[in-house]
N, C-alpha and C. Protein backbone atom coordinates (compact mmCIF):
# COMPACT_ATOMS: atom_id res chain seq x y z
N UNK A 1 100.19 -41.52 122.55
CA UNK A 1 101.18 -40.86 121.73
C UNK A 1 101.29 -39.38 122.09
N UNK A 2 100.18 -38.66 122.11
CA UNK A 2 100.20 -37.25 122.45
C UNK A 2 99.66 -36.99 123.86
N UNK A 3 99.27 -38.06 124.55
CA UNK A 3 98.76 -37.90 125.91
C UNK A 3 97.29 -37.51 125.96
N UNK A 4 96.58 -37.56 124.81
CA UNK A 4 95.18 -37.17 124.78
C UNK A 4 94.30 -38.08 125.64
N UNK A 5 94.66 -39.35 125.70
CA UNK A 5 93.81 -40.31 126.38
C UNK A 5 94.32 -40.70 127.76
N UNK A 6 95.37 -40.05 128.22
CA UNK A 6 95.86 -40.35 129.55
C UNK A 6 94.91 -39.75 130.58
N UNK A 7 94.71 -40.51 131.64
CA UNK A 7 93.82 -40.04 132.70
C UNK A 7 94.47 -38.86 133.42
N UNK A 8 93.76 -37.78 133.50
CA UNK A 8 94.24 -36.59 134.21
C UNK A 8 93.70 -36.64 135.63
N UNK A 9 94.54 -36.36 136.56
CA UNK A 9 94.14 -36.31 137.95
C UNK A 9 94.34 -34.88 138.44
N UNK A 10 93.30 -34.31 139.05
CA UNK A 10 93.41 -32.97 139.59
C UNK A 10 94.33 -32.97 140.80
N UNK A 11 94.86 -31.82 141.08
CA UNK A 11 95.73 -31.66 142.22
C UNK A 11 94.96 -31.96 143.50
N UNK A 12 95.61 -32.64 144.42
CA UNK A 12 95.06 -32.94 145.73
C UNK A 12 96.05 -32.47 146.78
N UNK A 13 95.60 -31.61 147.67
CA UNK A 13 96.43 -31.18 148.78
C UNK A 13 96.07 -32.01 150.00
N UNK A 14 97.09 -32.45 150.71
CA UNK A 14 96.90 -33.27 151.90
C UNK A 14 97.48 -32.49 153.08
N UNK A 15 96.65 -32.27 154.09
CA UNK A 15 97.01 -31.43 155.22
C UNK A 15 97.43 -32.25 156.43
N UNK A 16 98.11 -31.62 157.35
CA UNK A 16 98.55 -32.29 158.57
C UNK A 16 97.34 -32.79 159.37
N UNK A 17 97.36 -34.05 159.81
CA UNK A 17 96.24 -34.59 160.58
C UNK A 17 96.33 -34.28 162.07
N UNK A 18 97.45 -33.67 162.49
CA UNK A 18 97.68 -33.41 163.90
C UNK A 18 98.76 -32.33 164.02
N UNK A 19 98.67 -31.52 165.07
CA UNK A 19 99.76 -30.59 165.35
C UNK A 19 101.01 -31.40 165.66
N UNK A 20 102.15 -30.93 165.19
CA UNK A 20 103.38 -31.65 165.48
C UNK A 20 104.50 -31.26 164.56
N UNK A 21 105.44 -32.16 164.42
CA UNK A 21 106.62 -31.93 163.59
C UNK A 21 106.54 -32.85 162.37
N UNK A 22 106.43 -32.24 161.18
CA UNK A 22 106.40 -33.01 159.93
C UNK A 22 107.82 -33.48 159.60
N UNK A 23 107.91 -34.76 159.23
CA UNK A 23 109.20 -35.34 158.85
C UNK A 23 109.03 -36.12 157.55
N UNK A 24 110.12 -36.32 156.81
CA UNK A 24 110.03 -37.15 155.61
C UNK A 24 109.68 -38.59 155.98
N UNK A 25 108.95 -39.24 155.12
CA UNK A 25 108.58 -40.63 155.36
C UNK A 25 109.82 -41.51 155.53
N UNK A 26 110.88 -41.17 154.84
CA UNK A 26 112.12 -41.95 154.91
C UNK A 26 112.72 -41.94 156.32
N UNK A 27 112.33 -40.98 157.16
CA UNK A 27 112.87 -40.89 158.51
C UNK A 27 112.06 -41.66 159.55
N UNK A 28 110.97 -42.30 159.13
CA UNK A 28 110.14 -43.09 160.06
C UNK A 28 110.90 -44.36 160.45
N UNK A 29 110.80 -44.73 161.73
CA UNK A 29 111.56 -45.85 162.27
C UNK A 29 111.00 -47.23 161.99
N UNK A 30 110.35 -47.42 160.87
CA UNK A 30 109.83 -48.74 160.47
C UNK A 30 109.97 -48.84 158.96
N UNK A 31 110.68 -49.85 158.50
CA UNK A 31 110.96 -50.02 157.08
C UNK A 31 109.72 -50.16 156.21
N UNK A 32 108.64 -50.66 156.76
CA UNK A 32 107.41 -50.78 155.98
C UNK A 32 106.97 -49.41 155.48
N UNK A 33 107.16 -48.39 156.31
CA UNK A 33 106.78 -47.03 155.93
C UNK A 33 107.93 -46.29 155.27
N UNK A 34 109.12 -46.34 155.85
CA UNK A 34 110.24 -45.58 155.33
C UNK A 34 110.68 -46.05 153.94
N UNK A 35 110.44 -47.31 153.64
CA UNK A 35 110.77 -47.83 152.30
C UNK A 35 109.58 -47.75 151.36
N UNK A 36 108.50 -47.13 151.82
CA UNK A 36 107.31 -46.84 151.03
C UNK A 36 106.61 -48.09 150.50
N UNK A 37 106.62 -49.15 151.31
CA UNK A 37 105.96 -50.39 150.91
C UNK A 37 104.44 -50.27 150.94
N UNK A 38 103.92 -49.35 151.76
CA UNK A 38 102.47 -49.14 151.86
C UNK A 38 102.04 -48.00 150.95
N UNK A 39 102.98 -47.17 150.55
CA UNK A 39 102.69 -46.01 149.71
C UNK A 39 103.62 -44.88 150.05
N UNK A 40 103.57 -43.84 149.24
CA UNK A 40 104.40 -42.67 149.47
C UNK A 40 103.65 -41.69 150.36
N UNK A 41 104.36 -40.78 150.98
CA UNK A 41 103.69 -39.81 151.82
C UNK A 41 104.63 -39.04 152.71
N UNK A 42 104.14 -38.71 153.89
CA UNK A 42 104.90 -37.95 154.88
C UNK A 42 104.46 -38.42 156.25
N UNK A 43 105.09 -37.88 157.29
CA UNK A 43 104.76 -38.28 158.64
C UNK A 43 104.79 -37.06 159.56
N UNK A 44 104.08 -37.18 160.69
CA UNK A 44 104.04 -36.12 161.68
C UNK A 44 104.26 -36.76 163.06
N UNK A 45 105.20 -36.21 163.81
CA UNK A 45 105.38 -36.61 165.20
C UNK A 45 104.36 -35.78 165.99
N UNK A 46 103.33 -36.43 166.54
CA UNK A 46 102.20 -35.68 167.11
C UNK A 46 102.49 -34.98 168.43
N UNK A 47 101.87 -33.82 168.58
CA UNK A 47 101.96 -33.06 169.83
C UNK A 47 100.60 -32.94 170.51
N UNK A 48 99.62 -33.67 170.01
CA UNK A 48 98.30 -33.67 170.63
C UNK A 48 97.66 -35.04 170.41
N UNK A 49 96.54 -35.27 171.08
CA UNK A 49 95.89 -36.58 171.06
C UNK A 49 94.88 -36.75 169.92
N UNK A 50 94.38 -35.67 169.38
CA UNK A 50 93.34 -35.76 168.35
C UNK A 50 93.95 -35.84 166.96
N UNK A 51 93.59 -36.91 166.23
CA UNK A 51 94.04 -37.09 164.85
C UNK A 51 92.83 -36.76 163.97
N UNK A 52 93.05 -35.89 162.99
CA UNK A 52 91.96 -35.39 162.15
C UNK A 52 92.11 -35.84 160.70
N UNK A 53 91.04 -35.66 159.95
CA UNK A 53 91.06 -35.97 158.52
C UNK A 53 92.03 -35.01 157.82
N UNK A 54 92.95 -35.54 157.00
CA UNK A 54 93.90 -34.69 156.29
C UNK A 54 93.39 -34.21 154.92
N UNK A 55 92.22 -34.71 154.50
CA UNK A 55 91.62 -34.35 153.21
C UNK A 55 90.10 -34.34 153.35
N UNK A 56 89.43 -33.70 152.39
CA UNK A 56 87.98 -33.81 152.28
C UNK A 56 87.68 -35.11 151.55
N UNK A 57 86.63 -35.81 151.96
CA UNK A 57 86.25 -37.03 151.26
C UNK A 57 85.34 -37.91 152.08
N UNK A 58 85.36 -39.19 151.76
CA UNK A 58 84.52 -40.18 152.41
C UNK A 58 85.41 -41.20 153.10
N UNK A 59 85.12 -41.49 154.36
CA UNK A 59 85.89 -42.50 155.08
C UNK A 59 85.68 -43.84 154.38
N UNK A 60 86.76 -44.42 153.90
CA UNK A 60 86.65 -45.68 153.14
C UNK A 60 86.80 -46.90 154.05
N UNK A 61 87.55 -46.74 155.15
CA UNK A 61 87.66 -47.82 156.12
C UNK A 61 88.19 -47.26 157.43
N UNK A 62 87.90 -47.97 158.50
CA UNK A 62 88.47 -47.69 159.81
C UNK A 62 88.84 -49.04 160.41
N UNK A 63 90.08 -49.19 160.78
CA UNK A 63 90.50 -50.45 161.40
C UNK A 63 89.80 -50.60 162.75
N UNK A 64 89.38 -51.82 163.08
CA UNK A 64 88.73 -52.08 164.37
C UNK A 64 89.60 -51.64 165.54
N UNK A 65 90.89 -51.71 165.36
CA UNK A 65 91.83 -51.35 166.42
C UNK A 65 91.99 -49.84 166.57
N UNK A 66 91.47 -49.06 165.62
CA UNK A 66 91.53 -47.61 165.68
C UNK A 66 92.84 -47.00 165.27
N UNK A 67 93.84 -47.81 164.94
CA UNK A 67 95.17 -47.28 164.64
C UNK A 67 95.33 -46.80 163.20
N UNK A 68 94.34 -47.01 162.36
CA UNK A 68 94.44 -46.59 160.95
C UNK A 68 93.06 -46.39 160.36
N UNK A 69 93.01 -45.44 159.40
CA UNK A 69 91.77 -45.22 158.66
C UNK A 69 92.13 -44.67 157.29
N UNK A 70 91.17 -44.79 156.37
CA UNK A 70 91.39 -44.29 155.02
C UNK A 70 90.27 -43.36 154.61
N UNK A 71 90.62 -42.42 153.72
CA UNK A 71 89.65 -41.49 153.17
C UNK A 71 89.85 -41.43 151.67
N UNK A 72 88.75 -41.55 150.93
CA UNK A 72 88.80 -41.41 149.47
C UNK A 72 88.30 -40.01 149.13
N UNK A 73 89.13 -39.26 148.41
CA UNK A 73 88.77 -37.90 148.02
C UNK A 73 87.79 -37.92 146.86
N UNK A 74 87.19 -36.79 146.59
CA UNK A 74 86.27 -36.66 145.46
C UNK A 74 86.98 -36.99 144.15
N UNK A 75 88.29 -36.67 144.08
CA UNK A 75 89.08 -36.96 142.88
C UNK A 75 89.43 -38.45 142.77
N UNK A 76 89.12 -39.22 143.81
CA UNK A 76 89.37 -40.66 143.77
C UNK A 76 90.68 -41.09 144.42
N UNK A 77 91.38 -40.17 145.03
CA UNK A 77 92.64 -40.49 145.70
C UNK A 77 92.37 -41.13 147.05
N UNK A 78 92.99 -42.26 147.31
CA UNK A 78 92.88 -42.91 148.61
C UNK A 78 94.03 -42.39 149.48
N UNK A 79 93.69 -41.90 150.68
CA UNK A 79 94.69 -41.41 151.62
C UNK A 79 94.55 -42.24 152.89
N UNK A 80 95.65 -42.82 153.32
CA UNK A 80 95.69 -43.68 154.50
C UNK A 80 96.39 -42.94 155.63
N UNK A 81 95.78 -42.96 156.82
CA UNK A 81 96.40 -42.39 158.01
C UNK A 81 96.67 -43.56 158.96
N UNK A 82 97.94 -43.73 159.31
CA UNK A 82 98.35 -44.82 160.19
C UNK A 82 99.00 -44.21 161.43
N UNK A 83 98.44 -44.52 162.60
CA UNK A 83 98.87 -43.90 163.85
C UNK A 83 99.81 -44.83 164.60
N UNK A 84 101.06 -44.46 164.64
CA UNK A 84 102.06 -45.19 165.41
C UNK A 84 102.62 -46.40 164.71
N UNK A 85 103.68 -46.91 165.32
CA UNK A 85 104.36 -48.11 164.82
C UNK A 85 104.05 -49.27 165.76
N UNK A 86 103.53 -50.33 165.18
CA UNK A 86 103.15 -51.55 165.92
C UNK A 86 102.02 -51.34 166.92
N UNK A 87 101.30 -50.22 166.82
CA UNK A 87 100.19 -49.95 167.74
C UNK A 87 99.02 -50.89 167.52
N UNK A 88 98.99 -51.58 166.39
CA UNK A 88 97.96 -52.58 166.14
C UNK A 88 97.97 -53.64 167.25
N UNK A 89 99.13 -53.85 167.85
CA UNK A 89 99.27 -54.85 168.91
C UNK A 89 98.43 -54.54 170.15
N UNK A 90 98.00 -53.30 170.29
CA UNK A 90 97.19 -52.91 171.45
C UNK A 90 95.72 -53.29 171.28
N UNK A 91 95.36 -53.76 170.09
CA UNK A 91 93.99 -54.24 169.81
C UNK A 91 92.92 -53.21 170.18
N UNK A 92 93.22 -51.94 169.90
CA UNK A 92 92.26 -50.88 170.13
C UNK A 92 92.43 -50.12 171.42
N UNK A 93 93.18 -50.67 172.36
CA UNK A 93 93.39 -49.98 173.63
C UNK A 93 94.22 -48.72 173.38
N UNK A 94 93.73 -47.60 173.87
CA UNK A 94 94.42 -46.34 173.68
C UNK A 94 93.91 -45.54 172.48
N UNK A 95 92.90 -46.07 171.78
CA UNK A 95 92.34 -45.41 170.61
C UNK A 95 90.82 -45.29 170.75
N UNK A 96 90.29 -44.11 170.48
CA UNK A 96 88.85 -43.90 170.45
C UNK A 96 88.50 -43.38 169.05
N UNK A 97 87.82 -44.20 168.27
CA UNK A 97 87.46 -43.84 166.90
C UNK A 97 86.25 -42.92 166.91
N UNK A 98 86.35 -41.82 166.18
CA UNK A 98 85.29 -40.81 166.15
C UNK A 98 84.55 -40.75 164.81
N UNK A 99 85.01 -41.50 163.82
CA UNK A 99 84.37 -41.52 162.50
C UNK A 99 83.96 -42.94 162.17
N UNK A 100 83.13 -43.06 161.14
CA UNK A 100 82.72 -44.40 160.70
C UNK A 100 82.82 -44.49 159.18
N UNK A 101 82.88 -45.70 158.71
CA UNK A 101 82.95 -45.95 157.28
C UNK A 101 81.77 -45.29 156.56
N UNK A 102 82.05 -44.72 155.40
CA UNK A 102 81.10 -44.03 154.52
C UNK A 102 80.70 -42.64 155.02
N UNK A 103 81.31 -42.19 156.11
CA UNK A 103 81.03 -40.85 156.62
C UNK A 103 81.78 -39.81 155.77
N UNK A 104 81.08 -38.75 155.43
CA UNK A 104 81.71 -37.62 154.74
C UNK A 104 82.49 -36.80 155.76
N UNK A 105 83.73 -36.45 155.42
CA UNK A 105 84.56 -35.65 156.32
C UNK A 105 85.19 -34.50 155.55
N UNK A 106 85.57 -33.48 156.29
CA UNK A 106 86.30 -32.33 155.76
C UNK A 106 87.67 -32.31 156.43
N UNK A 107 88.60 -31.61 155.83
CA UNK A 107 89.90 -31.42 156.47
C UNK A 107 89.67 -30.91 157.89
N UNK A 108 90.30 -31.56 158.85
CA UNK A 108 90.18 -31.14 160.24
C UNK A 108 89.10 -31.85 161.04
N UNK A 109 88.24 -32.65 160.37
CA UNK A 109 87.23 -33.42 161.12
C UNK A 109 87.94 -34.37 162.07
N UNK A 110 87.63 -34.33 163.38
CA UNK A 110 88.25 -35.26 164.32
C UNK A 110 87.94 -36.70 163.92
N UNK A 111 88.97 -37.54 163.86
CA UNK A 111 88.79 -38.93 163.42
C UNK A 111 89.11 -39.94 164.51
N UNK A 112 90.19 -39.73 165.25
CA UNK A 112 90.60 -40.67 166.29
C UNK A 112 91.22 -39.89 167.45
N UNK A 113 90.86 -40.27 168.67
CA UNK A 113 91.54 -39.76 169.86
C UNK A 113 92.52 -40.82 170.33
N UNK A 114 93.73 -40.40 170.62
CA UNK A 114 94.79 -41.31 171.02
C UNK A 114 95.22 -40.98 172.45
N UNK A 115 95.33 -42.01 173.27
CA UNK A 115 95.86 -41.81 174.62
C UNK A 115 97.39 -41.92 174.51
N UNK A 116 98.00 -40.80 174.11
CA UNK A 116 99.45 -40.80 173.85
C UNK A 116 100.26 -41.18 175.09
N UNK A 117 99.83 -40.67 176.23
CA UNK A 117 100.59 -40.96 177.46
C UNK A 117 100.64 -42.46 177.74
N UNK A 118 99.48 -43.11 177.68
CA UNK A 118 99.42 -44.55 177.97
C UNK A 118 100.22 -45.35 176.95
N UNK A 119 100.11 -44.99 175.67
CA UNK A 119 100.82 -45.74 174.64
C UNK A 119 102.32 -45.49 174.69
N UNK A 120 102.72 -44.27 175.01
CA UNK A 120 104.17 -43.98 175.15
C UNK A 120 104.76 -44.74 176.33
N UNK A 121 103.98 -44.84 177.43
CA UNK A 121 104.46 -45.59 178.60
C UNK A 121 104.71 -47.05 178.24
N UNK A 122 104.00 -47.54 177.25
CA UNK A 122 104.20 -48.92 176.79
C UNK A 122 105.31 -49.01 175.74
N UNK A 123 105.91 -47.88 175.42
CA UNK A 123 107.07 -47.88 174.53
C UNK A 123 106.78 -47.67 173.05
N UNK A 124 105.57 -47.27 172.70
CA UNK A 124 105.22 -47.10 171.29
C UNK A 124 105.73 -45.78 170.71
N UNK A 125 106.18 -45.85 169.48
CA UNK A 125 106.49 -44.67 168.67
C UNK A 125 105.15 -44.26 168.06
N UNK A 126 104.70 -43.04 168.32
CA UNK A 126 103.36 -42.63 167.88
C UNK A 126 103.37 -41.75 166.63
N UNK A 127 104.44 -41.80 165.86
CA UNK A 127 104.49 -41.06 164.60
C UNK A 127 103.27 -41.41 163.76
N UNK A 128 102.66 -40.38 163.18
CA UNK A 128 101.46 -40.56 162.35
C UNK A 128 101.89 -40.47 160.88
N UNK A 129 101.68 -41.55 160.15
CA UNK A 129 102.01 -41.59 158.73
C UNK A 129 100.78 -41.25 157.90
N UNK A 130 100.98 -40.41 156.90
CA UNK A 130 99.93 -40.05 155.95
C UNK A 130 100.41 -40.55 154.60
N UNK A 131 99.70 -41.53 154.07
CA UNK A 131 100.19 -42.27 152.90
C UNK A 131 99.21 -42.23 151.73
N UNK A 132 99.76 -42.28 150.54
CA UNK A 132 98.97 -42.41 149.32
C UNK A 132 99.42 -43.73 148.68
N UNK A 133 98.63 -44.80 148.90
CA UNK A 133 99.03 -46.11 148.39
C UNK A 133 99.23 -46.16 146.87
N UNK A 134 98.47 -45.38 146.13
CA UNK A 134 98.58 -45.40 144.66
C UNK A 134 99.29 -44.15 144.15
N UNK A 135 100.34 -43.72 144.85
CA UNK A 135 101.03 -42.48 144.50
C UNK A 135 101.58 -42.50 143.08
N UNK A 136 101.87 -43.69 142.54
CA UNK A 136 102.42 -43.77 141.19
C UNK A 136 101.43 -43.35 140.11
N UNK A 137 100.15 -43.16 140.46
CA UNK A 137 99.14 -42.69 139.51
C UNK A 137 99.31 -41.21 139.18
N UNK A 138 100.09 -40.53 140.00
CA UNK A 138 100.21 -39.08 139.87
C UNK A 138 101.52 -38.71 139.21
N UNK A 139 101.53 -37.53 138.59
CA UNK A 139 102.76 -37.04 138.00
C UNK A 139 103.79 -36.73 139.07
N UNK A 140 103.32 -36.24 140.21
CA UNK A 140 104.26 -35.95 141.29
C UNK A 140 103.56 -35.98 142.64
N UNK A 141 104.31 -36.41 143.62
CA UNK A 141 103.90 -36.34 145.01
C UNK A 141 105.04 -35.63 145.71
N UNK A 142 104.73 -34.50 146.30
CA UNK A 142 105.77 -33.67 146.88
C UNK A 142 105.46 -33.39 148.35
N UNK A 143 106.41 -33.72 149.22
CA UNK A 143 106.29 -33.34 150.62
C UNK A 143 106.61 -31.85 150.69
N UNK A 144 105.66 -31.07 151.18
CA UNK A 144 105.78 -29.62 151.17
C UNK A 144 106.34 -29.10 152.49
N UNK A 145 105.82 -29.60 153.60
CA UNK A 145 106.20 -29.06 154.90
C UNK A 145 107.14 -30.00 155.65
N UNK A 146 108.07 -29.40 156.34
CA UNK A 146 108.88 -30.10 157.32
C UNK A 146 108.98 -29.16 158.51
N UNK A 147 109.12 -29.73 159.68
CA UNK A 147 109.13 -28.90 160.88
C UNK A 147 107.73 -28.77 161.44
N UNK A 148 107.50 -27.74 162.23
CA UNK A 148 106.23 -27.57 162.92
C UNK A 148 105.06 -27.36 161.95
N UNK A 149 103.99 -28.11 162.17
CA UNK A 149 102.76 -27.99 161.36
C UNK A 149 101.57 -27.96 162.30
N UNK A 150 100.46 -27.45 161.79
CA UNK A 150 99.21 -27.40 162.54
C UNK A 150 98.16 -28.25 161.84
N UNK A 151 97.44 -29.02 162.61
CA UNK A 151 96.40 -29.88 162.06
C UNK A 151 95.41 -29.09 161.22
N UNK A 152 95.13 -29.58 160.02
CA UNK A 152 94.11 -28.99 159.17
C UNK A 152 94.49 -27.67 158.54
N UNK A 153 95.65 -27.16 158.85
CA UNK A 153 96.06 -25.87 158.31
C UNK A 153 97.25 -25.98 157.38
N UNK A 154 98.28 -26.64 157.82
CA UNK A 154 99.50 -26.70 157.03
C UNK A 154 99.50 -27.91 156.11
N UNK A 155 99.79 -27.66 154.87
CA UNK A 155 99.85 -28.73 153.88
C UNK A 155 101.13 -29.53 154.09
N UNK A 156 101.01 -30.86 154.04
CA UNK A 156 102.22 -31.66 154.15
C UNK A 156 102.55 -32.37 152.84
N UNK A 157 101.53 -32.59 151.99
CA UNK A 157 101.77 -33.26 150.72
C UNK A 157 100.97 -32.60 149.63
N UNK A 158 101.49 -32.67 148.43
CA UNK A 158 100.79 -32.14 147.27
C UNK A 158 100.89 -33.19 146.17
N UNK A 159 99.76 -33.57 145.61
CA UNK A 159 99.71 -34.53 144.51
C UNK A 159 99.23 -33.81 143.27
N UNK A 160 99.87 -34.06 142.14
CA UNK A 160 99.35 -33.48 140.90
C UNK A 160 99.65 -34.39 139.74
């Protein structure tokens, strides 16, 4: 009635996982992401091979194929990083995972190395999606940055 018993969630800032160009999730070339079926968020067209942790927290999972990983923040927010569209089809080729499940990470901790040249030659779109699967738990999720961003420095999303 007065909101006394509603769960309050502290603000969570989510930073760029890679240097590149931040774009709205709606502009990603795959409906699974652009229609927010996996969660709300933002995306970065990468300009480097190293993908880093976009938040402080604990690695909750790493796909065997290396194309995706999740981090749970201290506040309990799950953040999913998905590298490329249909890159799962490579079965790990072109990805070197640098983190493991249950590892504590900070913003900017290197998580995955991507062989962008090899994957681009095979025709893959390497846009990196940063998603919050449970975004509806928050009062707002706001994409802050568009255009050029730097890994671990520029905020791309704000949850409150």
